[in-house]
Amino acid sequence: MIIVDMPMLKPVRDLLPPSFWHNYSAQLKKDCQDNGAHWLDLSHDTQFSSPADFLDYVHLNAYGGQKFVDRLAIFINENR
């Protein structure tokens, strides 16, 4: 099982304080480890930092979606 923390633009991440993101990431990482799941964290991935990758601030468009699928395929291949 792979849990994906989807990419989002910085203005969306900035709506919540850094302490939220730290606690959220720590808990998600622990939950994945405890349950044998893989975690692919793309939430702060700079490869998705351009608005050109998004339909709006949180949903990828076709261009960003292709980059996402490419990253996911690499992750799956590396974690077989």
Protein backbone atom coordinates (compact mmCIF):
# COMPACT_ATOMS: atom_id res chain seq x y z
CA MET A 1 0.00 0.00 0.00
CA ILE A 2 1.20 3.48 -0.83
CA ILE A 3 -0.08 6.56 0.93
CA VAL A 4 0.50 9.68 -1.16
CA ASP A 5 0.62 13.13 0.36
CA MET A 6 -0.36 15.09 -2.72
CA PRO A 7 1.52 18.13 -4.00
CA MET A 8 0.11 21.55 -3.28
CA LEU A 9 1.18 25.09 -3.85
CA LYS A 10 2.87 27.05 -1.09
CA PRO A 11 -0.05 29.48 -0.55
CA VAL A 12 -2.22 26.50 0.42
CA ARG A 13 0.41 25.06 2.77
CA ASP A 14 0.84 28.50 4.32
CA LEU A 15 -2.81 28.51 5.44
CA LEU A 16 -1.76 26.28 8.33
CA PRO A 17 1.19 26.85 10.67
CA PRO A 18 4.45 24.89 10.32
CA SER A 19 3.64 23.12 13.61
CA PHE A 20 0.56 21.59 11.99
CA TRP A 21 2.56 20.24 9.05
CA HIS A 22 5.25 18.88 11.38
CA ASN A 23 2.71 17.02 13.54
CA TYR A 24 0.72 15.85 10.52
CA SER A 25 3.81 14.47 8.77
CA ALA A 26 5.14 12.80 11.91
CA GLN A 27 1.80 11.07 12.57
CA LEU A 28 1.36 10.00 8.96
CA LYS A 29 4.89 8.61 8.83
CA LYS A 30 4.32 6.69 12.09
CA ASP A 31 0.98 5.31 10.90
CA CYS A 32 2.56 4.11 7.66
CA GLN A 33 5.46 2.46 9.49
CA ASP A 34 3.13 0.82 12.02
CA ASN A 35 0.94 -0.62 9.26
CA GLY A 36 3.52 -1.61 6.66
CA ALA A 37 2.54 1.07 4.16
CA HIS A 38 4.84 3.18 2.05
CA TRP A 39 4.55 6.95 2.22
CA LEU A 40 5.25 9.14 -0.78
CA ASP A 41 5.36 12.73 0.46
CA LEU A 42 4.93 15.15 -2.41
CA SER A 43 3.33 17.92 -0.34
CA HIS A 44 6.47 20.06 -0.32
CA ASP A 45 8.06 18.70 -3.49
CA THR A 46 9.66 21.56 -5.43
CA GLN A 47 8.99 19.73 -8.69
CA PHE A 48 5.37 20.85 -8.21
CA SER A 49 6.04 24.47 -7.21
CA SER A 50 4.79 26.09 -10.41
CA PRO A 51 1.16 27.19 -10.80
CA ALA A 52 1.48 25.77 -14.33
CA ASP A 53 1.17 22.28 -12.77
CA PHE A 54 -2.21 23.02 -11.18
CA LEU A 55 -5.78 23.52 -12.29
CA ASP A 56 -6.29 25.48 -9.07
CA TYR A 57 -4.22 25.66 -5.87
CA VAL A 58 -4.72 22.01 -4.91
CA HIS A 59 -5.70 20.01 -8.01
CA LEU A 60 -3.13 19.03 -10.60
CA ASN A 61 -3.84 19.67 -14.26
CA ALA A 62 -2.84 17.27 -17.06
CA TYR A 63 0.76 18.53 -17.05
CA GLY A 64 1.12 18.20 -13.28
CA GLY A 65 -0.74 14.90 -13.40
CA GLN A 66 1.81 13.48 -15.83
CA LYS A 67 4.64 14.55 -13.52
CA PHE A 68 2.77 12.93 -10.63
CA VAL A 69 2.32 9.63 -12.48
CA ASP A 70 6.00 9.65 -13.44
CA ARG A 71 7.03 10.18 -9.78
CA LEU A 72 4.63 7.50 -8.58
CA ALA A 73 5.95 4.99 -11.14
CA ILE A 74 9.53 5.62 -10.02
CA PHE A 75 8.49 5.25 -6.37
CA ILE A 76 6.71 1.94 -7.08
CA ASN A 77 9.71 0.63 -8.98
CA GLU A 78 12.10 1.59 -6.16
CA ASN A 79 9.90 0.03 -3.44
CA ARG A 80 8.95 -3.35 -4.91
